[in-house]
Amino acid sequence: MDGTSPGTMDLRLPRADLVLWLRLPRLLCIARVVLRRIRYAGRSRPEMADDCPEKIDLEFLRYIWNFEKDEVPEVLEGIVKHGPDVPVFVLDSRRDAGALLALLERRDTD
């Protein structure tokens, strides 16, 4: 499953074995959104539906910028309420994410 929508935590967390939370810096997230917009201007990304062209707007940028303040408290509350026994691993840098991927790749080759 993907996403941090607090509105569906009650459905998702009881079914989860593990939570991997990519909690990357907001400037990195904004930079990636802008670069994605440039790369896929006027067309859909490969992992998106054909009729879903890449776009960017002020509302989405505000959402990213304010995510820690506006969304994280609800996410944390949802984890405590609906998944208190689910292990949560927070990856808050590219280095953390890269280390996890490297570890998983090593396991696949063993």
PDB file of N, CA and C in Angstrom:
ATOM      1  N   MET A   1       0.842  -1.172   0.000  1.00  0.00           N
ATOM      2  CA  MET A   1       0.000   0.000   0.000  1.00  0.00           C
ATOM      3  C   MET A   1       0.885   1.232   0.000  1.00  0.00           C
ATOM      4  N   ASP A   2       0.347   2.302  -0.446  1.00  0.00           N
ATOM      5  CA  ASP A   2       1.115   3.522  -0.586  1.00  0.00           C
ATOM      6  C   ASP A   2       0.277   4.668  -0.053  1.00  0.00           C
ATOM      7  N   GLY A   3       0.934   5.634   0.530  1.00  0.00           N
ATOM      8  CA  GLY A   3       0.244   6.840   0.957  1.00  0.00           C
ATOM      9  C   GLY A   3       0.138   6.966   2.456  1.00  0.00           C
ATOM     10  N   THR A   4      -0.079   8.203   2.887  1.00  0.00           N
ATOM     11  CA  THR A   4      -0.177   8.484   4.310  1.00  0.00           C
ATOM     12  C   THR A   4      -1.525   9.085   4.675  1.00  0.00           C
ATOM     13  N   SER A   5      -2.525   8.860   3.851  1.00  0.00           N
ATOM     14  CA  SER A   5      -3.830   9.445   4.112  1.00  0.00           C
ATOM     15  C   SER A   5      -4.388   8.982   5.457  1.00  0.00           C
ATOM     16  N   PRO A   6      -4.510   9.899   6.412  1.00  0.00           N
ATOM     17  CA  PRO A   6      -5.019   9.509   7.732  1.00  0.00           C
ATOM     18  C   PRO A   6      -6.435   8.941   7.683  1.00  0.00           C
ATOM     19  N   GLY A   7      -7.202   9.311   6.671  1.00  0.00           N
ATOM     20  CA  GLY A   7      -8.593   8.879   6.572  1.00  0.00           C
ATOM     21  C   GLY A   7      -8.791   7.395   6.357  1.00  0.00           C
ATOM     22  N   THR A   8      -7.753   6.687   5.934  1.00  0.00           N
ATOM     23  CA  THR A   8      -7.898   5.247   5.694  1.00  0.00           C
ATOM     24  C   THR A   8      -6.985   4.402   6.583  1.00  0.00           C
ATOM     25  N   MET A   9      -6.393   5.018   7.580  1.00  0.00           N
ATOM     26  CA  MET A   9      -5.502   4.266   8.476  1.00  0.00           C
ATOM     27  C   MET A   9      -6.235   3.110   9.150  1.00  0.00           C
ATOM     28  N   ASP A  10      -7.507   3.322   9.480  1.00  0.00           N
ATOM     29  CA  ASP A  10      -8.278   2.277  10.165  1.00  0.00           C
ATOM     30  C   ASP A  10      -8.434   1.026   9.308  1.00  0.00           C
ATOM     31  N   LEU A  11      -8.397   1.175   7.993  1.00  0.00           N
ATOM     32  CA  LEU A  11      -8.505   0.030   7.088  1.00  0.00           C
ATOM     33  C   LEU A  11      -7.155  -0.601   6.790  1.00  0.00           C
ATOM     34  N   ARG A  12      -6.128   0.226   6.668  1.00  0.00           N
ATOM     35  CA  ARG A  12      -4.833  -0.257   6.201  1.00  0.00           C
ATOM     36  C   ARG A  12      -3.935  -0.796   7.310  1.00  0.00           C
ATOM     37  N   LEU A  13      -3.829  -0.082   8.402  1.00  0.00           N
ATOM     38  CA  LEU A  13      -2.869  -0.488   9.436  1.00  0.00           C
ATOM     39  C   LEU A  13      -3.149  -1.841  10.076  1.00  0.00           C
ATOM     40  N   PRO A  14      -4.405  -2.200  10.367  1.00  0.00           N
ATOM     41  CA  PRO A  14      -4.627  -3.525  10.956  1.00  0.00           C
ATOM     42  C   PRO A  14      -4.192  -4.673  10.038  1.00  0.00           C
ATOM     43  N   ARG A  15      -4.055  -4.410   8.742  1.00  0.00           N
ATOM     44  CA  ARG A  15      -3.656  -5.436   7.783  1.00  0.00           C
ATOM     45  C   ARG A  15      -2.155  -5.398   7.478  1.00  0.00           C
ATOM     46  N   ALA A  16      -1.465  -4.413   8.035  1.00  0.00           N
ATOM     47  CA  ALA A  16      -0.051  -4.211   7.715  1.00  0.00           C
ATOM     48  C   ALA A  16       0.848  -5.047   8.622  1.00  0.00           C
ATOM     49  N   ASP A  17       1.943  -5.523   8.039  1.00  0.00           N
ATOM     50  CA  ASP A  17       2.971  -6.214   8.808  1.00  0.00           C
ATOM     51  C   ASP A  17       4.075  -5.255   9.220  1.00  0.00           C
ATOM     52  N   LEU A  18       4.213  -4.180   8.458  1.00  0.00           N
ATOM     53  CA  LEU A  18       5.314  -3.249   8.649  1.00  0.00           C
ATOM     54  C   LEU A  18       4.955  -1.934   7.976  1.00  0.00           C
ATOM     55  N   VAL A  19       5.384  -0.829   8.563  1.00  0.00           N
ATOM     56  CA  VAL A  19       5.228   0.478   7.936  1.00  0.00           C
ATOM     57  C   VAL A  19       6.620   1.011   7.620  1.00  0.00           C
ATOM     58  N   LEU A  20       6.849   1.304   6.355  1.00  0.00           N
ATOM     59  CA  LEU A  20       8.053   2.008   5.914  1.00  0.00           C
ATOM     60  C   LEU A  20       7.617   3.424   5.575  1.00  0.00           C
ATOM     61  N   TRP A  21       8.049   4.373   6.368  1.00  0.00           N
ATOM     62  CA  TRP A  21       7.617   5.753   6.185  1.00  0.00           C
ATOM     63  C   TRP A  21       8.766   6.540   5.585  1.00  0.00           C
ATOM     64  N   LEU A  22       8.607   6.945   4.322  1.00  0.00           N
ATOM     65  CA  LEU A  22       9.589   7.801   3.667  1.00  0.00           C
ATOM     66  C   LEU A  22       9.259   9.238   4.057  1.00  0.00           C
ATOM     67  N   ARG A  23       9.995   9.736   5.009  1.00  0.00           N
ATOM     68  CA  ARG A  23       9.738  11.063   5.570  1.00  0.00           C
ATOM     69  C   ARG A  23      10.894  11.977   5.170  1.00  0.00           C
ATOM     70  N   LEU A  24      10.947  12.253   3.881  1.00  0.00           N
ATOM     71  CA  LEU A  24      12.056  12.999   3.301  1.00  0.00           C
ATOM     72  C   LEU A  24      11.886  14.499   3.512  1.00  0.00           C
ATOM     73  N   PRO A  25      12.977  15.257   3.478  1.00  0.00           N
ATOM     74  CA  PRO A  25      12.899  16.710   3.663  1.00  0.00           C
ATOM     75  C   PRO A  25      12.003  17.361   2.618  1.00  0.00           C
ATOM     76  N   ARG A  26      11.272  18.362   3.056  1.00  0.00           N
ATOM     77  CA  ARG A  26      10.295  18.984   2.158  1.00  0.00           C
ATOM     78  C   ARG A  26      10.931  19.631   0.939  1.00  0.00           C
ATOM     79  N   LEU A  27      12.103  20.225   1.082  1.00  0.00           N
ATOM     80  CA  LEU A  27      12.748  20.824  -0.091  1.00  0.00           C
ATOM     81  C   LEU A  27      13.103  19.766  -1.121  1.00  0.00           C
ATOM     82  N   LEU A  28      13.527  18.603  -0.665  1.00  0.00           N
ATOM     83  CA  LEU A  28      13.798  17.501  -1.586  1.00  0.00           C
ATOM     84  C   LEU A  28      12.509  17.072  -2.286  1.00  0.00           C
ATOM     85  N   CYS A  29      11.427  16.972  -1.540  1.00  0.00           N
ATOM     86  CA  CYS A  29      10.136  16.581  -2.139  1.00  0.00           C
ATOM     87  C   CYS A  29       9.675  17.595  -3.175  1.00  0.00           C
ATOM     88  N   ILE A  30       9.798  18.875  -2.854  1.00  0.00           N
ATOM     89  CA  ILE A  30       9.392  19.914  -3.805  1.00  0.00           C
ATOM     90  C   ILE A  30      10.285  19.872  -5.046  1.00  0.00           C
ATOM     91  N   ALA A  31      11.570  19.701  -4.846  1.00  0.00           N
ATOM     92  CA  ALA A  31      12.481  19.621  -5.999  1.00  0.00           C
ATOM     93  C   ALA A  31      12.116  18.449  -6.893  1.00  0.00           C
ATOM     94  N   ARG A  32      11.784  17.315  -6.301  1.00  0.00           N
ATOM     95  CA  ARG A  32      11.408  16.147  -7.102  1.00  0.00           C
ATOM     96  C   ARG A  32      10.111  16.371  -7.869  1.00  0.00           C
ATOM     97  N   VAL A  33       9.157  17.057  -7.262  1.00  0.00           N
ATOM     98  CA  VAL A  33       7.893  17.362  -7.943  1.00  0.00           C
ATOM     99  C   VAL A  33       8.163  18.270  -9.143  1.00  0.00           C
ATOM    100  N   VAL A  34       8.982  19.287  -8.944  1.00  0.00           N
ATOM    101  CA  VAL A  34       9.296  20.215 -10.035  1.00  0.00           C
ATOM    102  C   VAL A  34      10.039  19.483 -11.156  1.00  0.00           C
ATOM    103  N   LEU A  35      11.020  18.667 -10.806  1.00  0.00           N
ATOM    104  CA  LEU A  35      11.761  17.923 -11.827  1.00  0.00           C
ATOM    105  C   LEU A  35      10.866  16.940 -12.578  1.00  0.00           C
ATOM    106  N   ARG A  36       9.948  16.300 -11.851  1.00  0.00           N
ATOM    107  CA  ARG A  36       9.001  15.379 -12.501  1.00  0.00           C
ATOM    108  C   ARG A  36       8.116  16.146 -13.486  1.00  0.00           C
ATOM    109  N   ARG A  37       7.691  17.329 -13.088  1.00  0.00           N
ATOM    110  CA  ARG A  37       6.845  18.157 -13.962  1.00  0.00           C
ATOM    111  C   ARG A  37       7.593  18.524 -15.232  1.00  0.00           C
ATOM    112  N   ILE A  38       8.847  18.887 -15.088  1.00  0.00           N
ATOM    113  CA  ILE A  38       9.660  19.237 -16.259  1.00  0.00           C
ATOM    114  C   ILE A  38       9.844  18.013 -17.157  1.00  0.00           C
ATOM    115  N   ARG A  39      10.168  16.888 -16.544  1.00  0.00           N
ATOM    116  CA  ARG A  39      10.445  15.678 -17.331  1.00  0.00           C
ATOM    117  C   ARG A  39       9.214  15.165 -18.069  1.00  0.00           C
ATOM    118  N   TYR A  40       8.058  15.231 -17.437  1.00  0.00           N
ATOM    119  CA  TYR A  40       6.848  14.658 -18.028  1.00  0.00           C
ATOM    120  C   TYR A  40       5.821  15.724 -18.417  1.00  0.00           C
ATOM    121  N   ALA A  41       6.251  16.911 -18.726  1.00  0.00           N
ATOM    122  CA  ALA A  41       5.346  18.005 -19.079  1.00  0.00           C
ATOM    123  C   ALA A  41       4.363  17.578 -20.171  1.00  0.00           C
ATOM    124  N   GLY A  42       3.094  17.714 -19.869  1.00  0.00           N
ATOM    125  CA  GLY A  42       2.056  17.436 -20.851  1.00  0.00           C
ATOM    126  C   GLY A  42       1.763  15.979 -21.116  1.00  0.00           C
ATOM    127  N   ARG A  43       2.406  15.076 -20.404  1.00  0.00           N
ATOM    128  CA  ARG A  43       2.135  13.650 -20.610  1.00  0.00           C
ATOM    129  C   ARG A  43       2.129  12.938 -19.263  1.00  0.00           C
ATOM    130  N   SER A  44       1.645  11.736 -19.278  1.00  0.00           N
ATOM    131  CA  SER A  44       1.535  10.944 -18.053  1.00  0.00           C
ATOM    132  C   SER A  44       2.840  10.206 -17.777  1.00  0.00           C
ATOM    133  N   ARG A  45       3.167  10.081 -16.498  1.00  0.00           N
ATOM    134  CA  ARG A  45       4.313   9.255 -16.113  1.00  0.00           C
ATOM    135  C   ARG A  45       3.980   7.803 -16.404  1.00  0.00           C
ATOM    136  N   PRO A  46       4.987   6.953 -16.615  1.00  0.00           N
ATOM    137  CA  PRO A  46       4.731   5.541 -16.943  1.00  0.00           C
ATOM    138  C   PRO A  46       3.881   4.813 -15.911  1.00  0.00           C
ATOM    139  N   GLU A  47       4.016   5.167 -14.634  1.00  0.00           N
ATOM    140  CA  GLU A  47       3.254   4.462 -13.594  1.00  0.00           C
ATOM    141  C   GLU A  47       1.856   5.038 -13.360  1.00  0.00           C
ATOM    142  N   MET A  48       1.490   6.067 -14.115  1.00  0.00           N
ATOM    143  CA  MET A  48       0.185   6.707 -13.973  1.00  0.00           C
ATOM    144  C   MET A  48      -0.740   6.292 -15.125  1.00  0.00           C
ATOM    145  N   ALA A  49      -2.018   6.532 -14.933  1.00  0.00           N
ATOM    146  CA  ALA A  49      -2.990   6.278 -15.994  1.00  0.00           C
ATOM    147  C   ALA A  49      -2.693   7.181 -17.189  1.00  0.00           C
ATOM    148  N   ASP A  50      -3.041   6.722 -18.388  1.00  0.00           N
ATOM    149  CA  ASP A  50      -2.742   7.476 -19.605  1.00  0.00           C
ATOM    150  C   ASP A  50      -3.365   8.872 -19.612  1.00  0.00           C
ATOM    151  N   ASP A  51      -4.502   9.027 -18.995  1.00  0.00           N
ATOM    152  CA  ASP A  51      -5.198  10.309 -19.021  1.00  0.00           C
ATOM    153  C   ASP A  51      -4.903  11.154 -17.776  1.00  0.00           C
ATOM    154  N   CYS A  52      -3.723  11.011 -17.221  1.00  0.00           N
ATOM    155  CA  CYS A  52      -3.345  11.709 -15.998  1.00  0.00           C
ATOM    156  C   CYS A  52      -2.019  12.443 -16.199  1.00  0.00           C
ATOM    157  N   PRO A  53      -2.030  13.510 -17.015  1.00  0.00           N
ATOM    158  CA  PRO A  53      -0.775  14.211 -17.311  1.00  0.00           C
ATOM    159  C   PRO A  53      -0.182  14.870 -16.062  1.00  0.00           C
ATOM    160  N   GLU A  54       1.130  14.926 -16.028  1.00  0.00           N
ATOM    161  CA  GLU A  54       1.850  15.514 -14.898  1.00  0.00           C
ATOM    162  C   GLU A  54       1.516  16.995 -14.808  1.00  0.00           C
ATOM    163  N   LYS A  55       1.208  17.436 -13.611  1.00  0.00           N
ATOM    164  CA  LYS A  55       0.926  18.852 -13.409  1.00  0.00           C
ATOM    165  C   LYS A  55       1.446  19.265 -12.042  1.00  0.00           C
ATOM    166  N   ILE A  56       1.492  20.547 -11.847  1.00  0.00           N
ATOM    167  CA  ILE A  56       1.932  21.100 -10.572  1.00  0.00           C
ATOM    168  C   ILE A  56       1.118  22.366 -10.343  1.00  0.00           C
ATOM    169  N   ASP A  57       0.711  22.569  -9.107  1.00  0.00           N
ATOM    170  CA  ASP A  57      -0.004  23.795  -8.792  1.00  0.00           C
ATOM    171  C   ASP A  57       0.357  24.243  -7.374  1.00  0.00           C
ATOM    172  N   LEU A  58      -0.028  25.452  -7.053  1.00  0.00           N
ATOM    173  CA  LEU A  58       0.315  26.042  -5.769  1.00  0.00           C
ATOM    174  C   LEU A  58      -0.277  25.249  -4.605  1.00  0.00           C
ATOM    175  N   GLU A  59      -1.479  24.728  -4.790  1.00  0.00           N
ATOM    176  CA  GLU A  59      -2.125  23.947  -3.730  1.00  0.00           C
ATOM    177  C   GLU A  59      -1.289  22.706  -3.372  1.00  0.00           C
ATOM    178  N   PHE A  60      -0.789  22.009  -4.376  1.00  0.00           N
ATOM    179  CA  PHE A  60       0.021  20.818  -4.130  1.00  0.00           C
ATOM    180  C   PHE A  60       1.340  21.186  -3.462  1.00  0.00           C
ATOM    181  N   LEU A  61       1.973  22.277  -3.910  1.00  0.00           N
ATOM    182  CA  LEU A  61       3.218  22.718  -3.287  1.00  0.00           C
ATOM    183  C   LEU A  61       2.988  23.105  -1.822  1.00  0.00           C
ATOM    184  N   ARG A  62       1.867  23.743  -1.539  1.00  0.00           N
ATOM    185  CA  ARG A  62       1.523  24.071  -0.140  1.00  0.00           C
ATOM    186  C   ARG A  62       1.323  22.807   0.686  1.00  0.00           C
ATOM    187  N   TYR A  63       0.663  21.833   0.097  1.00  0.00           N
ATOM    188  CA  TYR A  63       0.449  20.558   0.790  1.00  0.00           C
ATOM    189  C   TYR A  63       1.791  19.940   1.192  1.00  0.00           C
ATOM    190  N   ILE A  64       2.741  19.921   0.282  1.00  0.00           N
ATOM    191  CA  ILE A  64       4.064  19.370   0.577  1.00  0.00           C
ATOM    192  C   ILE A  64       4.745  20.199   1.663  1.00  0.00           C
ATOM    193  N   TRP A  65       4.723  21.510   1.496  1.00  0.00           N
ATOM    194  CA  TRP A  65       5.414  22.396   2.430  1.00  0.00           C
ATOM    195  C   TRP A  65       4.852  22.258   3.851  1.00  0.00           C
ATOM    196  N   ASN A  66       3.548  22.091   3.967  1.00  0.00           N
ATOM    197  CA  ASN A  66       2.893  22.051   5.283  1.00  0.00           C
ATOM    198  C   ASN A  66       2.629  20.641   5.786  1.00  0.00           C
ATOM    199  N   PHE A  67       3.123  19.629   5.105  1.00  0.00           N
ATOM    200  CA  PHE A  67       2.826  18.245   5.455  1.00  0.00           C
ATOM    201  C   PHE A  67       3.191  17.922   6.895  1.00  0.00           C
ATOM    202  N   GLU A  68       4.381  18.301   7.323  1.00  0.00           N
ATOM    203  CA  GLU A  68       4.810  17.997   8.695  1.00  0.00           C
ATOM    204  C   GLU A  68       3.855  18.600   9.723  1.00  0.00           C
ATOM    205  N   LYS A  69       3.440  19.806   9.496  1.00  0.00           N
ATOM    206  CA  LYS A  69       2.567  20.506  10.448  1.00  0.00           C
ATOM    207  C   LYS A  69       1.123  20.017  10.371  1.00  0.00           C
ATOM    208  N   ASP A  70       0.618  19.840   9.166  1.00  0.00           N
ATOM    209  CA  ASP A  70      -0.802  19.545   8.983  1.00  0.00           C
ATOM    210  C   ASP A  70      -1.149  18.062   8.991  1.00  0.00           C
ATOM    211  N   GLU A  71      -0.305  17.222   8.420  1.00  0.00           N
ATOM    212  CA  GLU A  71      -0.649  15.811   8.227  1.00  0.00           C
ATOM    213  C   GLU A  71       0.021  14.860   9.215  1.00  0.00           C
ATOM    214  N   VAL A  72       1.277  15.132   9.563  1.00  0.00           N
ATOM    215  CA  VAL A  72       2.027  14.198  10.409  1.00  0.00           C
ATOM    216  C   VAL A  72       1.338  13.920  11.744  1.00  0.00           C
ATOM    217  N   PRO A  73       0.786  14.930  12.439  1.00  0.00           N
ATOM    218  CA  PRO A  73       0.104  14.601  13.704  1.00  0.00           C
ATOM    219  C   PRO A  73      -1.025  13.582  13.525  1.00  0.00           C
ATOM    220  N   GLU A  74      -1.786  13.691  12.444  1.00  0.00           N
ATOM    221  CA  GLU A  74      -2.859  12.732  12.182  1.00  0.00           C
ATOM    222  C   GLU A  74      -2.315  11.357  11.823  1.00  0.00           C
ATOM    223  N   VAL A  75      -1.228  11.329  11.067  1.00  0.00           N
ATOM    224  CA  VAL A  75      -0.613  10.055  10.709  1.00  0.00           C
ATOM    225  C   VAL A  75      -0.130   9.346  11.979  1.00  0.00           C
ATOM    226  N   LEU A  76       0.565  10.082  12.829  1.00  0.00           N
ATOM    227  CA  LEU A  76       1.058   9.497  14.077  1.00  0.00           C
ATOM    228  C   LEU A  76      -0.084   9.012  14.958  1.00  0.00           C
ATOM    229  N   GLU A  77      -1.142   9.787  15.033  1.00  0.00           N
ATOM    230  CA  GLU A  77      -2.321   9.387  15.807  1.00  0.00           C
ATOM    231  C   GLU A  77      -2.939   8.115  15.234  1.00  0.00           C
ATOM    232  N   GLY A  78      -3.004   8.030  13.912  1.00  0.00           N
ATOM    233  CA  GLY A  78      -3.551   6.844  13.259  1.00  0.00           C
ATOM    234  C   GLY A  78      -2.712   5.613  13.524  1.00  0.00           C
ATOM    235  N   ILE A  79      -1.394   5.776  13.519  1.00  0.00           N
ATOM    236  CA  ILE A  79      -0.509   4.646  13.802  1.00  0.00           C
ATOM    237  C   ILE A  79      -0.743   4.137  15.223  1.00  0.00           C
ATOM    238  N   VAL A  80      -0.822   5.044  16.165  1.00  0.00           N
ATOM    239  CA  VAL A  80      -1.041   4.657  17.563  1.00  0.00           C
ATOM    240  C   VAL A  80      -2.404   3.995  17.738  1.00  0.00           C
ATOM    241  N   LYS A  81      -3.411   4.557  17.102  1.00  0.00           N
ATOM    242  CA  LYS A  81      -4.785   4.061  17.281  1.00  0.00           C
ATOM    243  C   LYS A  81      -5.052   2.760  16.528  1.00  0.00           C
ATOM    244  N   HIS A  82      -4.577   2.658  15.298  1.00  0.00           N
ATOM    245  CA  HIS A  82      -4.960   1.532  14.438  1.00  0.00           C
ATOM    246  C   HIS A  82      -3.851   0.516  14.170  1.00  0.00           C
ATOM    247  N   GLY A  83      -2.638   0.829  14.582  1.00  0.00           N
ATOM    248  CA  GLY A  83      -1.539  -0.101  14.331  1.00  0.00           C
ATOM    249  C   GLY A  83      -0.500  -0.068  15.434  1.00  0.00           C
ATOM    250  N   PRO A  84      -0.939  -0.114  16.688  1.00  0.00           N
ATOM    251  CA  PRO A  84       0.030   0.031  17.781  1.00  0.00           C
ATOM    252  C   PRO A  84       1.095  -1.063  17.814  1.00  0.00           C
ATOM    253  N   ASP A  85       0.811  -2.219  17.240  1.00  0.00           N
ATOM    254  CA  ASP A  85       1.777  -3.319  17.256  1.00  0.00           C
ATOM    255  C   ASP A  85       2.523  -3.475  15.933  1.00  0.00           C
ATOM    256  N   VAL A  86       2.266  -2.570  14.988  1.00  0.00           N
ATOM    257  CA  VAL A  86       2.922  -2.641  13.687  1.00  0.00           C
ATOM    258  C   VAL A  86       4.250  -1.892  13.776  1.00  0.00           C
ATOM    259  N   PRO A  87       5.358  -2.567  13.450  1.00  0.00           N
ATOM    260  CA  PRO A  87       6.651  -1.875  13.475  1.00  0.00           C
ATOM    261  C   PRO A  87       6.685  -0.755  12.438  1.00  0.00           C
ATOM    262  N   VAL A  88       7.243   0.385  12.830  1.00  0.00           N
ATOM    263  CA  VAL A  88       7.349   1.546  11.952  1.00  0.00           C
ATOM    264  C   VAL A  88       8.825   1.887  11.779  1.00  0.00           C
ATOM    265  N   PHE A  89       9.272   1.885  10.528  1.00  0.00           N
ATOM    266  CA  PHE A  89      10.634   2.283  10.197  1.00  0.00           C
ATOM    267  C   PHE A  89      10.560   3.577   9.407  1.00  0.00           C
ATOM    268  N   VAL A  90      11.213   4.605   9.899  1.00  0.00           N
ATOM    269  CA  VAL A  90      11.209   5.912   9.251  1.00  0.00           C
ATOM    270  C   VAL A  90      12.514   6.097   8.491  1.00  0.00           C
ATOM    271  N   LEU A  91      12.391   6.363   7.208  1.00  0.00           N
ATOM    272  CA  LEU A  91      13.538   6.666   6.360  1.00  0.00           C
ATOM    273  C   LEU A  91      13.467   8.157   6.063  1.00  0.00           C
ATOM    274  N   ASP A  92      14.408   8.921   6.606  1.00  0.00           N
ATOM    275  CA  ASP A  92      14.298  10.374   6.460  1.00  0.00           C
ATOM    276  C   ASP A  92      15.431  10.998   5.636  1.00  0.00           C
ATOM    277  N   SER A  93      16.083  10.158   4.850  1.00  0.00           N
ATOM    278  CA  SER A  93      17.114  10.681   3.951  1.00  0.00           C
ATOM    279  C   SER A  93      17.277   9.727   2.772  1.00  0.00           C
ATOM    280  N   ARG A  94      17.899  10.227   1.735  1.00  0.00           N
ATOM    281  CA  ARG A  94      18.217   9.363   0.590  1.00  0.00           C
ATOM    282  C   ARG A  94      19.169   8.253   1.016  1.00  0.00           C
ATOM    283  N   ARG A  95      20.073   8.594   1.921  1.00  0.00           N
ATOM    284  CA  ARG A  95      21.040   7.605   2.403  1.00  0.00           C
ATOM    285  C   ARG A  95      20.323   6.444   3.090  1.00  0.00           C
ATOM    286  N   ASP A  96      19.336   6.750   3.948  1.00  0.00           N
ATOM    287  CA  ASP A  96      18.568   5.687   4.608  1.00  0.00           C
ATOM    288  C   ASP A  96      17.859   4.803   3.588  1.00  0.00           C
ATOM    289  N   ALA A  97      17.209   5.440   2.624  1.00  0.00           N
ATOM    290  CA  ALA A  97      16.480   4.681   1.607  1.00  0.00           C
ATOM    291  C   ALA A  97      17.450   3.830   0.780  1.00  0.00           C
ATOM    292  N   GLY A  98      18.584   4.401   0.425  1.00  0.00           N
ATOM    293  CA  GLY A  98      19.577   3.655  -0.338  1.00  0.00           C
ATOM    294  C   GLY A  98      20.133   2.473   0.441  1.00  0.00           C
ATOM    295  N   ALA A  99      20.352   2.670   1.736  1.00  0.00           N
ATOM    296  CA  ALA A  99      20.861   1.577   2.576  1.00  0.00           C
ATOM    297  C   ALA A  99      19.845   0.445   2.657  1.00  0.00           C
ATOM    298  N   LEU A 100      18.580   0.781   2.787  1.00  0.00           N
ATOM    299  CA  LEU A 100      17.548  -0.256   2.832  1.00  0.00           C
ATOM    300  C   LEU A 100      17.485  -1.008   1.508  1.00  0.00           C
ATOM    301  N   LEU A 101      17.511  -0.294   0.397  1.00  0.00           N
ATOM    302  CA  LEU A 101      17.478  -0.951  -0.910  1.00  0.00           C
ATOM    303  C   LEU A 101      18.684  -1.861  -1.104  1.00  0.00           C
ATOM    304  N   ALA A 102      19.852  -1.397  -0.678  1.00  0.00           N
ATOM    305  CA  ALA A 102      21.058  -2.222  -0.793  1.00  0.00           C
ATOM    306  C   ALA A 102      20.923  -3.489   0.043  1.00  0.00           C
ATOM    307  N   LEU A 103      20.390  -3.348   1.231  1.00  0.00           N
ATOM    308  CA  LEU A 103      20.184  -4.508   2.100  1.00  0.00           C
ATOM    309  C   LEU A 103      19.221  -5.500   1.457  1.00  0.00           C
ATOM    310  N   LEU A 104      18.142  -4.998   0.894  1.00  0.00           N
ATOM    311  CA  LEU A 104      17.155  -5.879   0.251  1.00  0.00           C
ATOM    312  C   LEU A 104      17.745  -6.557  -0.991  1.00  0.00           C
ATOM    313  N   GLU A 105      18.550  -5.830  -1.741  1.00  0.00           N
ATOM    314  CA  GLU A 105      19.187  -6.421  -2.916  1.00  0.00           C
ATOM    315  C   GLU A 105      20.164  -7.526  -2.520  1.00  0.00           C
ATOM    316  N   ARG A 106      20.892  -7.324  -1.425  1.00  0.00           N
ATOM    317  CA  ARG A 106      21.806  -8.370  -0.943  1.00  0.00           C
ATOM    318  C   ARG A 106      21.040  -9.610  -0.529  1.00  0.00           C
ATOM    319  N   ARG A 107      19.904  -9.411   0.107  1.00  0.00           N
ATOM    320  CA  ARG A 107      19.081 -10.555   0.537  1.00  0.00           C
ATOM    321  C   ARG A 107      18.571 -11.331  -0.656  1.00  0.00           C
ATOM    322  N   ASP A 108      18.244 -10.610  -1.739  1.00  0.00           N
ATOM    323  CA  ASP A 108      17.742 -11.287  -2.946  1.00  0.00           C
ATOM    324  C   ASP A 108      18.813 -12.157  -3.602  1.00  0.00           C
ATOM    325  N   THR A 109      20.075 -11.792  -3.442  1.00  0.00           N
ATOM    326  CA  THR A 109      21.140 -12.555  -4.077  1.00  0.00           C
ATOM    327  C   THR A 109      21.648 -13.691  -3.198  1.00  0.00           C
ATOM    328  N   ASP A 110      21.276 -13.689  -1.947  1.00  0.00           N
ATOM    329  CA  ASP A 110      21.730 -14.772  -1.025  1.00  0.00           C
ATOM    330  C   ASP A 110      20.947 -16.044  -1.224  1.00  0.00           C
TER     331      ASP A 110
END
